[in-house]
PDB file of N, CA and C in Angstrom:
ATOM      1  N   MET A   1      73.477 101.034 121.837  1.00  0.00           N
ATOM      2  CA  MET A   1      73.826 100.128 120.758  1.00  0.00           C
ATOM      3  C   MET A   1      75.294  99.715 120.906  1.00  0.00           C
ATOM      4  N   GLU A   2      75.541  98.442 120.761  1.00  0.00           N
ATOM      5  CA  GLU A   2      76.891  97.913 120.930  1.00  0.00           C
ATOM      6  C   GLU A   2      77.751  98.222 119.703  1.00  0.00           C
ATOM      7  N   GLN A   3      78.986  98.637 119.975  1.00  0.00           N
ATOM      8  CA  GLN A   3      79.936  98.928 118.900  1.00  0.00           C
ATOM      9  C   GLN A   3      80.438  97.608 118.302  1.00  0.00           C
ATOM     10  N   PRO A   4      80.578  97.535 116.976  1.00  0.00           N
ATOM     11  CA  PRO A   4      81.164  96.328 116.382  1.00  0.00           C
ATOM     12  C   PRO A   4      82.638  96.244 116.774  1.00  0.00           C
ATOM     13  N   PRO A   5      83.188  95.037 116.790  1.00  0.00           N
ATOM     14  CA  PRO A   5      84.605  94.895 117.155  1.00  0.00           C
ATOM     15  C   PRO A   5      85.502  95.601 116.142  1.00  0.00           C
ATOM     16  N   ARG A   6      86.594  96.155 116.646  1.00  0.00           N
ATOM     17  CA  ARG A   6      87.557  96.821 115.777  1.00  0.00           C
ATOM     18  C   ARG A   6      88.394  95.773 115.036  1.00  0.00           C
ATOM     19  N   VAL A   7      88.918  96.152 113.899  1.00  0.00           N
ATOM     20  CA  VAL A   7      89.743  95.273 113.076  1.00  0.00           C
ATOM     21  C   VAL A   7      91.206  95.525 113.450  1.00  0.00           C
ATOM     22  N   ARG A   8      91.931  94.467 113.759  1.00  0.00           N
ATOM     23  CA  ARG A   8      93.342  94.583 114.151  1.00  0.00           C
ATOM     24  C   ARG A   8      94.186  93.628 113.311  1.00  0.00           C
ATOM     25  N   GLY A   9      95.424  94.030 113.079  1.00  0.00           N
ATOM     26  CA  GLY A   9      96.324  93.151 112.353  1.00  0.00           C
ATOM     27  C   GLY A   9      97.726  93.714 112.291  1.00  0.00           C
ATOM     28  N   CYS A  10      98.648  92.893 111.830  1.00  0.00           N
ATOM     29  CA  CYS A  10     100.044  93.299 111.655  1.00  0.00           C
ATOM     30  C   CYS A  10     100.548  92.762 110.322  1.00  0.00           C
ATOM     31  N   VAL A  11     101.445  93.512 109.725  1.00  0.00           N
ATOM     32  CA  VAL A  11     102.117  93.111 108.491  1.00  0.00           C
ATOM     33  C   VAL A  11     103.613  93.247 108.733  1.00  0.00           C
ATOM     34  N   THR A  12     104.369  92.219 108.390  1.00  0.00           N
ATOM     35  CA  THR A  12     105.822  92.277 108.509  1.00  0.00           C
ATOM     36  C   THR A  12     106.431  92.342 107.124  1.00  0.00           C
ATOM     37  N   LEU A  13     107.267  93.345 106.919  1.00  0.00           N
ATOM     38  CA  LEU A  13     107.961  93.529 105.644  1.00  0.00           C
ATOM     39  C   LEU A  13     109.410  93.104 105.835  1.00  0.00           C
ATOM     40  N   ALA A  14     109.795  92.008 105.236  1.00  0.00           N
ATOM     41  CA  ALA A  14     111.150  91.469 105.382  1.00  0.00           C
ATOM     42  C   ALA A  14     112.039  92.041 104.283  1.00  0.00           C
ATOM     43  N   LEU A  15     112.912  92.966 104.666  1.00  0.00           N
ATOM     44  CA  LEU A  15     113.802  93.602 103.696  1.00  0.00           C
ATOM     45  C   LEU A  15     115.147  92.904 103.615  1.00  0.00           C
ATOM     46  N   GLY A  16     115.539  92.234 104.679  1.00  0.00           N
ATOM     47  CA  GLY A  16     116.820  91.537 104.693  1.00  0.00           C
ATOM     48  C   GLY A  16     118.012  92.451 104.885  1.00  0.00           C
ATOM     49  N   ASP A  17     117.776  93.726 105.127  1.00  0.00           N
ATOM     50  CA  ASP A  17     118.857  94.702 105.305  1.00  0.00           C
ATOM     51  C   ASP A  17     118.483  95.624 106.460  1.00  0.00           C
ATOM     52  N   GLU A  18     119.275  95.599 107.521  1.00  0.00           N
ATOM     53  CA  GLU A  18     118.946  96.359 108.724  1.00  0.00           C
ATOM     54  C   GLU A  18     118.899  97.862 108.473  1.00  0.00           C
ATOM     55  N   ARG A  19     119.830  98.367 107.690  1.00  0.00           N
ATOM     56  CA  ARG A  19     119.859  99.808 107.405  1.00  0.00           C
ATOM     57  C   ARG A  19     118.607 100.246 106.640  1.00  0.00           C
ATOM     58  N   ALA A  20     118.222  99.475 105.642  1.00  0.00           N
ATOM     59  CA  ALA A  20     117.021  99.785 104.868  1.00  0.00           C
ATOM     60  C   ALA A  20     115.774  99.681 105.743  1.00  0.00           C
ATOM     61  N   ALA A  21     115.750  98.695 106.634  1.00  0.00           N
ATOM     62  CA  ALA A  21     114.597  98.533 107.529  1.00  0.00           C
ATOM     63  C   ALA A  21     114.465  99.739 108.459  1.00  0.00           C
ATOM     64  N   ARG A  22     115.576 100.226 108.982  1.00  0.00           N
ATOM     65  CA  ARG A  22     115.523 101.412 109.849  1.00  0.00           C
ATOM     66  C   ARG A  22     115.028 102.621 109.072  1.00  0.00           C
ATOM     67  N   ALA A  23     115.512 102.807 107.849  1.00  0.00           N
ATOM     68  CA  ALA A  23     115.087 103.941 107.026  1.00  0.00           C
ATOM     69  C   ALA A  23     113.593 103.838 106.706  1.00  0.00           C
ATOM     70  N   LEU A  24     113.122 102.657 106.369  1.00  0.00           N
ATOM     71  CA  LEU A  24     111.710 102.467 106.075  1.00  0.00           C
ATOM     72  C   LEU A  24     110.861 102.727 107.321  1.00  0.00           C
ATOM     73  N   ALA A  25     111.284 102.208 108.455  1.00  0.00           N
ATOM     74  CA  ALA A  25     110.534 102.423 109.693  1.00  0.00           C
ATOM     75  C   ALA A  25     110.437 103.906 110.020  1.00  0.00           C
ATOM     76  N   GLU A  26     111.515 104.632 109.835  1.00  0.00           N
ATOM     77  CA  GLU A  26     111.484 106.080 110.103  1.00  0.00           C
ATOM     78  C   GLU A  26     110.483 106.784 109.184  1.00  0.00           C
ATOM     79  N   ALA A  27     110.443 106.389 107.920  1.00  0.00           N
ATOM     80  CA  ALA A  27     109.496 106.998 106.984  1.00  0.00           C
ATOM     81  C   ALA A  27     108.055 106.670 107.374  1.00  0.00           C
ATOM     82  N   LEU A  28     107.804 105.431 107.756  1.00  0.00           N
ATOM     83  CA  LEU A  28     106.444 105.024 108.111  1.00  0.00           C
ATOM     84  C   LEU A  28     106.000 105.597 109.455  1.00  0.00           C
ATOM     85  N   GLU A  29     106.941 105.824 110.362  1.00  0.00           N
ATOM     86  CA  GLU A  29     106.595 106.384 111.675  1.00  0.00           C
ATOM     87  C   GLU A  29     105.998 107.782 111.558  1.00  0.00           C
ATOM     88  N   VAL A  30     106.393 108.533 110.550  1.00  0.00           N
ATOM     89  CA  VAL A  30     105.810 109.864 110.335  1.00  0.00           C
ATOM     90  C   VAL A  30     104.305 109.736 110.132  1.00  0.00           C
ATOM     91  N   GLU A  31     103.896 108.785 109.320  1.00  0.00           N
ATOM     92  CA  GLU A  31     102.465 108.543 109.075  1.00  0.00           C
ATOM     93  C   GLU A  31     101.778 108.006 110.330  1.00  0.00           C
ATOM     94  N   ALA A  32     102.442 107.084 111.029  1.00  0.00           N
ATOM     95  CA  ALA A  32     101.846 106.501 112.236  1.00  0.00           C
ATOM     96  C   ALA A  32     101.665 107.537 113.337  1.00  0.00           C
ATOM     97  N   ASP A  33     102.596 108.467 113.432  1.00  0.00           N
ATOM     98  CA  ASP A  33     102.535 109.496 114.479  1.00  0.00           C
ATOM     99  C   ASP A  33     101.511 110.586 114.181  1.00  0.00           C
ATOM    100  N   ASN A  34     101.071 110.685 112.931  1.00  0.00           N
ATOM    101  CA  ASN A  34     100.134 111.738 112.520  1.00  0.00           C
ATOM    102  C   ASN A  34      98.984 111.167 111.692  1.00  0.00           C
ATOM    103  N   PRO A  35      98.177 110.285 112.271  1.00  0.00           N
ATOM    104  CA  PRO A  35      97.091 109.704 111.472  1.00  0.00           C
ATOM    105  C   PRO A  35      96.061 110.761 111.083  1.00  0.00           C
ATOM    106  N   PRO A  36      95.530 110.680 109.862  1.00  0.00           N
ATOM    107  CA  PRO A  36      94.563 111.683 109.426  1.00  0.00           C
ATOM    108  C   PRO A  36      93.274 111.663 110.251  1.00  0.00           C
ATOM    109  N   ASP A  37      92.860 110.495 110.708  1.00  0.00           N
ATOM    110  CA  ASP A  37      91.641 110.369 111.519  1.00  0.00           C
ATOM    111  C   ASP A  37      91.842 109.251 112.538  1.00  0.00           C
ATOM    112  N   PRO A  38      92.400 109.582 113.721  1.00  0.00           N
ATOM    113  CA  PRO A  38      92.708 108.544 114.712  1.00  0.00           C
ATOM    114  C   PRO A  38      91.481 107.779 115.222  1.00  0.00           C
ATOM    115  N   GLU A  39      90.291 108.331 115.036  1.00  0.00           N
ATOM    116  CA  GLU A  39      89.085 107.589 115.415  1.00  0.00           C
ATOM    117  C   GLU A  39      88.828 106.446 114.429  1.00  0.00           C
ATOM    118  N   ARG A  40      89.293 106.640 113.222  1.00  0.00           N
ATOM    119  CA  ARG A  40      89.073 105.653 112.173  1.00  0.00           C
ATOM    120  C   ARG A  40      90.125 104.548 112.189  1.00  0.00           C
ATOM    121  N   ALA A  41      91.412 104.929 112.354  1.00  0.00           N
ATOM    122  CA  ALA A  41      92.476 103.925 112.366  1.00  0.00           C
ATOM    123  C   ALA A  41      93.758 104.519 112.954  1.00  0.00           C
ATOM    124  N   THR A  42      94.520 103.652 113.623  1.00  0.00           N
ATOM    125  CA  THR A  42      95.834 104.018 114.137  1.00  0.00           C
ATOM    126  C   THR A  42      96.805 102.894 113.787  1.00  0.00           C
ATOM    127  N   ALA A  43      98.091 103.218 113.846  1.00  0.00           N
ATOM    128  CA  ALA A  43      99.102 102.211 113.529  1.00  0.00           C
ATOM    129  C   ALA A  43     100.356 102.461 114.347  1.00  0.00           C
ATOM    130  N   THR A  44     101.127 101.393 114.535  1.00  0.00           N
ATOM    131  CA  THR A  44     102.445 101.485 115.146  1.00  0.00           C
ATOM    132  C   THR A  44     103.442 100.833 114.202  1.00  0.00           C
ATOM    133  N   VAL A  45     104.674 101.296 114.267  1.00  0.00           N
ATOM    134  CA  VAL A  45     105.729 100.795 113.387  1.00  0.00           C
ATOM    135  C   VAL A  45     106.934 100.428 114.235  1.00  0.00           C
ATOM    136  N   SER A  46     107.562  99.289 113.934  1.00  0.00           N
ATOM    137  CA  SER A  46     108.789  98.908 114.623  1.00  0.00           C
ATOM    138  C   SER A  46     109.720  98.211 113.638  1.00  0.00           C
ATOM    139  N   ALA A  47     111.019  98.350 113.887  1.00  0.00           N
ATOM    140  CA  ALA A  47     112.029  97.690 113.050  1.00  0.00           C
ATOM    141  C   ALA A  47     112.843  96.755 113.927  1.00  0.00           C
ATOM    142  N   ARG A  48     113.139  95.607 113.378  1.00  0.00           N
ATOM    143  CA  ARG A  48     113.986  94.647 114.084  1.00  0.00           C
ATOM    144  C   ARG A  48     114.791  93.883 113.050  1.00  0.00           C
ATOM    145  N   GLY A  49     116.105  93.981 113.185  1.00  0.00           N
ATOM    146  CA  GLY A  49     116.947  93.339 112.185  1.00  0.00           C
ATOM    147  C   GLY A  49     116.650  93.916 110.817  1.00  0.00           C
ATOM    148  N   GLY A  50     116.395  93.075 109.864  1.00  0.00           N
ATOM    149  CA  GLY A  50     116.099  93.524 108.509  1.00  0.00           C
ATOM    150  C   GLY A  50     114.623  93.568 108.182  1.00  0.00           C
ATOM    151  N   SER A  51     113.776  93.647 109.218  1.00  0.00           N
ATOM    152  CA  SER A  51     112.328  93.655 108.992  1.00  0.00           C
ATOM    153  C   SER A  51     111.658  94.854 109.647  1.00  0.00           C
ATOM    154  N   VAL A  52     110.531  95.228 109.071  1.00  0.00           N
ATOM    155  CA  VAL A  52     109.698  96.298 109.620  1.00  0.00           C
ATOM    156  C   VAL A  52     108.312  95.697 109.861  1.00  0.00           C
ATOM    157  N   ARG A  53     107.762  96.000 111.019  1.00  0.00           N
ATOM    158  CA  ARG A  53     106.425  95.502 111.376  1.00  0.00           C
ATOM    159  C   ARG A  53     105.481  96.683 111.546  1.00  0.00           C
ATOM    160  N   VAL A  54     104.351  96.628 110.855  1.00  0.00           N
ATOM    161  CA  VAL A  54     103.304  97.647 110.973  1.00  0.00           C
ATOM    162  C   VAL A  54     102.079  96.957 111.558  1.00  0.00           C
ATOM    163  N   CYS A  55     101.636  97.448 112.720  1.00  0.00           N
ATOM    164  CA  CYS A  55     100.422  96.924 113.342  1.00  0.00           C
ATOM    165  C   CYS A  55      99.377  98.030 113.335  1.00  0.00           C
ATOM    166  N   PHE A  56      98.134  97.653 113.097  1.00  0.00           N
ATOM    167  CA  PHE A  56      97.074  98.653 112.995  1.00  0.00           C
ATOM    168  C   PHE A  56      95.840  98.211 113.769  1.00  0.00           C
ATOM    169  N   GLU A  57      95.028  99.197 114.089  1.00  0.00           N
ATOM    170  CA  GLU A  57      93.704  98.968 114.658  1.00  0.00           C
ATOM    171  C   GLU A  57      92.770  99.927 113.942  1.00  0.00           C
ATOM    172  N   ALA A  58      91.681  99.382 113.394  1.00  0.00           N
ATOM    173  CA  ALA A  58      90.766 100.192 112.598  1.00  0.00           C
ATOM    174  C   ALA A  58      89.325 100.007 113.080  1.00  0.00           C
ATOM    175  N   ARG A  59      88.539 101.016 112.813  1.00  0.00           N
ATOM    176  CA  ARG A  59      87.137 101.034 113.225  1.00  0.00           C
ATOM    177  C   ARG A  59      86.306  99.959 112.521  1.00  0.00           C
ATOM    178  N   ASP A  60      86.638  99.660 111.259  1.00  0.00           N
ATOM    179  CA  ASP A  60      85.856  98.719 110.461  1.00  0.00           C
ATOM    180  C   ASP A  60      86.717  98.206 109.312  1.00  0.00           C
ATOM    181  N   PRO A  61      86.250  97.221 108.557  1.00  0.00           N
ATOM    182  CA  PRO A  61      87.051  96.681 107.458  1.00  0.00           C
ATOM    183  C   PRO A  61      87.452  97.726 106.414  1.00  0.00           C
ATOM    184  N   SER A  62      86.579  98.658 106.125  1.00  0.00           N
ATOM    185  CA  SER A  62      86.908  99.702 105.154  1.00  0.00           C
ATOM    186  C   SER A  62      88.071 100.565 105.646  1.00  0.00           C
ATOM    187  N   SER A  63      88.064 100.887 106.921  1.00  0.00           N
ATOM    188  CA  SER A  63      89.153 101.681 107.497  1.00  0.00           C
ATOM    189  C   SER A  63      90.442 100.877 107.539  1.00  0.00           C
ATOM    190  N   ALA A  64      90.333  99.566 107.794  1.00  0.00           N
ATOM    191  CA  ALA A  64      91.520  98.702 107.790  1.00  0.00           C
ATOM    192  C   ALA A  64      92.138  98.679 106.398  1.00  0.00           C
ATOM    193  N   ARG A  65      91.300  98.574 105.389  1.00  0.00           N
ATOM    194  CA  ARG A  65      91.785  98.581 104.005  1.00  0.00           C
ATOM    195  C   ARG A  65      92.503  99.903 103.691  1.00  0.00           C
ATOM    196  N   ALA A  66      91.919 101.007 104.126  1.00  0.00           N
ATOM    197  CA  ALA A  66      92.521 102.316 103.855  1.00  0.00           C
ATOM    198  C   ALA A  66      93.874 102.459 104.536  1.00  0.00           C
ATOM    199  N   VAL A  67      93.969 102.053 105.800  1.00  0.00           N
ATOM    200  CA  VAL A  67      95.243 102.199 106.509  1.00  0.00           C
ATOM    201  C   VAL A  67      96.305 101.275 105.908  1.00  0.00           C
ATOM    202  N   LEU A  68      95.910 100.061 105.526  1.00  0.00           N
ATOM    203  CA  LEU A  68      96.877  99.163 104.886  1.00  0.00           C
ATOM    204  C   LEU A  68      97.342  99.703 103.541  1.00  0.00           C
ATOM    205  N   ASN A  69      96.418 100.208 102.733  1.00  0.00           N
ATOM    206  CA  ASN A  69      96.802 100.798 101.450  1.00  0.00           C
ATOM    207  C   ASN A  69      97.772 101.952 101.638  1.00  0.00           C
ATOM    208  N   ALA A  70      97.505 102.809 102.618  1.00  0.00           N
ATOM    209  CA  ALA A  70      98.375 103.960 102.854  1.00  0.00           C
ATOM    210  C   ALA A  70      99.779 103.508 103.240  1.00  0.00           C
ATOM    211  N   PHE A  71      99.880 102.591 104.198  1.00  0.00           N
ATOM    212  CA  PHE A  71     101.198 102.163 104.668  1.00  0.00           C
ATOM    213  C   PHE A  71     101.940 101.328 103.637  1.00  0.00           C
ATOM    214  N   LEU A  72     101.243 100.438 102.957  1.00  0.00           N
ATOM    215  CA  LEU A  72     101.922  99.615 101.954  1.00  0.00           C
ATOM    216  C   LEU A  72     102.341 100.437 100.741  1.00  0.00           C
ATOM    217  N   GLY A  73     101.537 101.421 100.358  1.00  0.00           N
ATOM    218  CA  GLY A  73     101.930 102.305  99.254  1.00  0.00           C
ATOM    219  C   GLY A  73     103.149 103.130  99.607  1.00  0.00           C
ATOM    220  N   LEU A  74     103.164 103.681 100.808  1.00  0.00           N
ATOM    221  CA  LEU A  74     104.323 104.454 101.260  1.00  0.00           C
ATOM    222  C   LEU A  74     105.548 103.556 101.389  1.00  0.00           C
ATOM    223  N   ALA A  75     105.356 102.344 101.883  1.00  0.00           N
ATOM    224  CA  ALA A  75     106.476 101.406 102.005  1.00  0.00           C
ATOM    225  C   ALA A  75     107.057 101.065 100.631  1.00  0.00           C
ATOM    226  N   ALA A  76     106.196 100.801  99.667  1.00  0.00           N
ATOM    227  CA  ALA A  76     106.681 100.458  98.321  1.00  0.00           C
ATOM    228  C   ALA A  76     107.465 101.609  97.713  1.00  0.00           C
ATOM    229  N   ALA A  77     106.965 102.829  97.863  1.00  0.00           N
ATOM    230  CA  ALA A  77     107.672 103.994  97.311  1.00  0.00           C
ATOM    231  C   ALA A  77     109.006 104.205  98.015  1.00  0.00           C
ATOM    232  N   THR A  78     109.034 104.020  99.321  1.00  0.00           N
ATOM    233  CA  THR A  78     110.279 104.209 100.081  1.00  0.00           C
ATOM    234  C   THR A  78     111.308 103.157  99.707  1.00  0.00           C
ATOM    235  N   VAL A  79     110.884 101.899  99.615  1.00  0.00           N
ATOM    236  CA  VAL A  79     111.809 100.823  99.253  1.00  0.00           C
ATOM    237  C   VAL A  79     112.363 101.055  97.850  1.00  0.00           C
ATOM    238  N   GLU A  80     111.512 101.498  96.926  1.00  0.00           N
ATOM    239  CA  GLU A  80     111.988 101.781  95.567  1.00  0.00           C
ATOM    240  C   GLU A  80     113.000 102.931  95.564  1.00  0.00           C
ATOM    241  N   ALA A  81     112.739 103.974  96.349  1.00  0.00           N
ATOM    242  CA  ALA A  81     113.681 105.093  96.436  1.00  0.00           C
ATOM    243  C   ALA A  81     115.007 104.625  97.032  1.00  0.00           C
ATOM    244  N   LEU A  82     114.952 103.807  98.078  1.00  0.00           N
ATOM    245  CA  LEU A  82     116.180 103.296  98.698  1.00  0.00           C
ATOM    246  C   LEU A  82     116.960 102.428  97.698  1.00  0.00           C
ATOM    247  N   ARG A  83     116.244 101.641  96.929  1.00  0.00           N
ATOM    248  CA  ARG A  83     116.890 100.768  95.931  1.00  0.00           C
ATOM    249  C   ARG A  83     117.612 101.617  94.876  1.00  0.00           C
ATOM    250  N   ARG A  84     116.954 102.680  94.425  1.00  0.00           N
ATOM    251  CA  ARG A  84     117.556 103.528  93.399  1.00  0.00           C
ATOM    252  C   ARG A  84     118.751 104.325  93.925  1.00  0.00           C
ATOM    253  N   LEU A  85     118.683 104.705  95.201  1.00  0.00           N
ATOM    254  CA  LEU A  85     119.789 105.468  95.794  1.00  0.00           C
ATOM    255  C   LEU A  85     120.975 104.587  96.148  1.00  0.00           C
ATOM    256  N   GLY A  86     120.706 103.287  96.237  1.00  0.00           N
ATOM    257  CA  GLY A  86     121.774 102.342  96.529  1.00  0.00           C
ATOM    258  C   GLY A  86     122.098 102.339  97.960  1.00  0.00           C
TER     259      GLY A  86
END
């Protein structure tokens, strides 16, 4: 039986601040380096200038949704913490 195509995509988070982008990328890399189920989904993280790029590959749309929710939730919490810390 043929495997369905995997779901792939990238999201760019434009922070406008290089230091904040590096801090966010470091936080997200922990998750990318230790995926809970690498058969289900994997991700890579990179920072350039004031932006962070998260690219993922998932087994199916449900797995893509889960990986995006995980990374975007962690990104939102990290950005809020950075904002509060100044």
